[in-house]
C-alpha atoms as a PDB file:
ATOM      1  CA  MET A   1     -13.126  31.337-100.883  1.00  0.00           C
ATOM      2  CA  GLU A   2     -10.728  28.505-100.461  1.00  0.00           C
ATOM      3  CA  ILE A   3      -8.919  27.865 -97.205  1.00  0.00           C
ATOM      4  CA  GLU A   4      -5.464  26.292 -97.039  1.00  0.00           C
ATOM      5  CA  LEU A   5      -3.224  25.386 -94.158  1.00  0.00           C
ATOM      6  CA  VAL A   6       0.161  27.052 -94.291  1.00  0.00           C
ATOM      7  CA  THR A   7       1.755  23.590 -94.251  1.00  0.00           C
ATOM      8  CA  ASN A   8      -0.205  22.639 -97.394  1.00  0.00           C
ATOM      9  CA  LEU A   9       0.970  25.847 -99.031  1.00  0.00           C
ATOM     10  CA  LYS A  10       4.566  24.976 -98.188  1.00  0.00           C
ATOM     11  CA  ARG A  11       4.228  21.444 -99.578  1.00  0.00           C
ATOM     12  CA  GLN A  12       2.029  22.169-102.579  1.00  0.00           C
ATOM     13  CA  ALA A  13       2.712  25.786-103.536  1.00  0.00           C
ATOM     14  CA  THR A  14       2.686  25.065-107.278  1.00  0.00           C
ATOM     15  CA  LYS A  15      -0.675  23.294-107.048  1.00  0.00           C
ATOM     16  CA  VAL A  16      -2.212  26.015-104.851  1.00  0.00           C
ATOM     17  CA  LEU A  17      -0.996  28.728-107.230  1.00  0.00           C
ATOM     18  CA  ALA A  18      -2.319  26.847-110.270  1.00  0.00           C
ATOM     19  CA  GLU A  19      -5.744  26.564-108.630  1.00  0.00           C
ATOM     20  CA  LEU A  20      -5.632  30.250-107.710  1.00  0.00           C
ATOM     21  CA  HIS A  21      -4.862  31.288-111.282  1.00  0.00           C
ATOM     22  CA  GLU A  22      -7.599  29.029-112.617  1.00  0.00           C
ATOM     23  CA  SER A  23     -10.360  30.018-110.190  1.00  0.00           C
ATOM     24  CA  LYS A  24      -9.287  33.673-109.585  1.00  0.00           C
ATOM     25  CA  GLU A  25     -10.655  33.114-106.075  1.00  0.00           C
ATOM     26  CA  ALA A  26      -8.685  34.335-103.044  1.00  0.00           C
ATOM     27  CA  VAL A  27      -7.176  31.704-100.768  1.00  0.00           C
ATOM     28  CA  LEU A  28      -7.211  32.185 -97.007  1.00  0.00           C
ATOM     29  CA  ILE A  29      -4.018  30.824 -95.444  1.00  0.00           C
ATOM     30  CA  THR A  30      -4.328  29.642 -91.860  1.00  0.00           C
ATOM     31  CA  GLU A  31      -1.723  28.937 -89.198  1.00  0.00           C
ATOM     32  CA  HIS A  32      -2.647  26.937 -86.111  1.00  0.00           C
ATOM     33  CA  GLY A  33      -6.317  27.224 -87.080  1.00  0.00           C
ATOM     34  CA  GLN A  34      -6.224  31.028 -87.264  1.00  0.00           C
ATOM     35  CA  PRO A  35      -6.428  33.223 -90.373  1.00  0.00           C
ATOM     36  CA  SER A  36      -2.947  34.407 -91.298  1.00  0.00           C
ATOM     37  CA  ALA A  37      -2.964  35.825 -94.822  1.00  0.00           C
ATOM     38  CA  TYR A  38      -4.814  35.999 -98.099  1.00  0.00           C
ATOM     39  CA  LEU A  39      -3.279  34.774-101.318  1.00  0.00           C
ATOM     40  CA  ILE A  40      -4.686  36.593-104.334  1.00  0.00           C
ATOM     41  CA  ASP A  41      -3.976  36.802-108.036  1.00  0.00           C
ATOM     42  CA  VAL A  42      -1.556  39.563-109.105  1.00  0.00           C
ATOM     43  CA  GLN A  43      -4.098  41.189-111.435  1.00  0.00           C
ATOM     44  CA  ASP A  44      -6.683  41.287-108.638  1.00  0.00           C
ATOM     45  CA  TYR A  45      -4.143  42.827-106.256  1.00  0.00           C
ATOM     46  CA  GLU A  46      -3.142  45.498-108.788  1.00  0.00           C
ATOM     47  CA  PHE A  47      -6.811  46.274-109.491  1.00  0.00           C
ATOM     48  CA  MET A  48      -7.472  46.681-105.775  1.00  0.00           C
ATOM     49  CA  GLN A  49      -4.458  48.995-105.409  1.00  0.00           C
ATOM     50  CA  ARG A  50      -5.685  51.213-108.269  1.00  0.00           C
ATOM     51  CA  ARG A  51      -9.165  51.285-106.745  1.00  0.00           C
ATOM     52  CA  LEU A  52      -7.733  52.203-103.328  1.00  0.00           C
ATOM     53  CA  ALA A  53      -5.664  55.030-104.850  1.00  0.00           C
ATOM     54  CA  LEU A  54      -8.773  56.380-106.568  1.00  0.00           C
ATOM     55  CA  LEU A  55     -10.794  56.223-103.348  1.00  0.00           C
ATOM     56  CA  GLU A  56      -8.019  58.009-101.461  1.00  0.00           C
ATOM     57  CA  ALA A  57      -7.959  60.763-104.107  1.00  0.00           C
ATOM     58  CA  LEU A  58     -11.734  61.167-103.859  1.00  0.00           C
ATOM     59  CA  SER A  59     -11.514  61.353-100.077  1.00  0.00           C
ATOM     60  CA  LYS A  60      -8.781  63.984-100.302  1.00  0.00           C
ATOM     61  CA  GLY A  61     -10.933  66.025-102.694  1.00  0.00           C
ATOM     62  CA  GLU A  62     -13.970  65.801-100.420  1.00  0.00           C
ATOM     63  CA  ARG A  63     -11.840  66.894 -97.460  1.00  0.00           C
ATOM     64  CA  ALA A  64     -10.528  69.880 -99.441  1.00  0.00           C
ATOM     65  CA  ILE A  65     -14.092  70.929-100.293  1.00  0.00           C
ATOM     66  CA  LEU A  66     -15.171  70.677 -96.657  1.00  0.00           C
ATOM     67  CA  GLU A  67     -12.161  72.752 -95.582  1.00  0.00           C
ATOM     68  CA  GLY A  68     -12.818  75.359 -98.259  1.00  0.00           C
ATOM     69  CA  LYS A  69      -9.546  74.618-100.027  1.00  0.00           C
ATOM     70  CA  THR A  70     -10.878  74.880-103.548  1.00  0.00           C
ATOM     71  CA  SER A  71      -9.846  76.774-106.679  1.00  0.00           C
ATOM     72  CA  SER A  72     -11.770  78.354-109.482  1.00  0.00           C
ATOM     73  CA  HIS A  73     -11.993  76.443-112.734  1.00  0.00           C
ATOM     74  CA  THR A  74      -9.586  78.882-114.380  1.00  0.00           C
ATOM     75  CA  LYS A  75      -6.933  78.566-111.658  1.00  0.00           C
ATOM     76  CA  ALA A  76      -7.286  74.790-111.560  1.00  0.00           C
ATOM     77  CA  ARG A  77      -6.887  74.602-115.324  1.00  0.00           C
ATOM     78  CA  GLU A  78      -3.740  76.765-115.180  1.00  0.00           C
ATOM     79  CA  ARG A  79      -2.240  74.542-112.474  1.00  0.00           C
ATOM     80  CA  VAL A  80      -2.997  71.377-114.431  1.00  0.00           C
ATOM     81  CA  GLN A  81      -1.492  72.834-117.621  1.00  0.00           C
ATOM     82  CA  LYS A  82       1.707  73.752-115.735  1.00  0.00           C
ATOM     83  CA  TRP A  83       1.801  70.266-114.246  1.00  0.00           C
ATOM     84  CA  LEU A  84       1.420  68.620-117.656  1.00  0.00           C
ATOM     85  CA  LYS A  85       4.363  70.531-119.194  1.00  0.00           C
END
């Protein structure tokens, strides 16, 4: 992972972005010697958001099973078919 000072990002944003797109490696931005933010490629960010949404859906399903909030296959199929209309 690359590390850049926020002042370098301000001065050389085009260069930093070009390197990011080329390497596809996240850049840690620091302010006053402390981590401040990560700069990542748009495709990587979107991939992470899709992955997070999937993990949240799995967690919700597991919670429903633990709480006994499940449906039979037939009822679930009916609900999905209504939803798809």
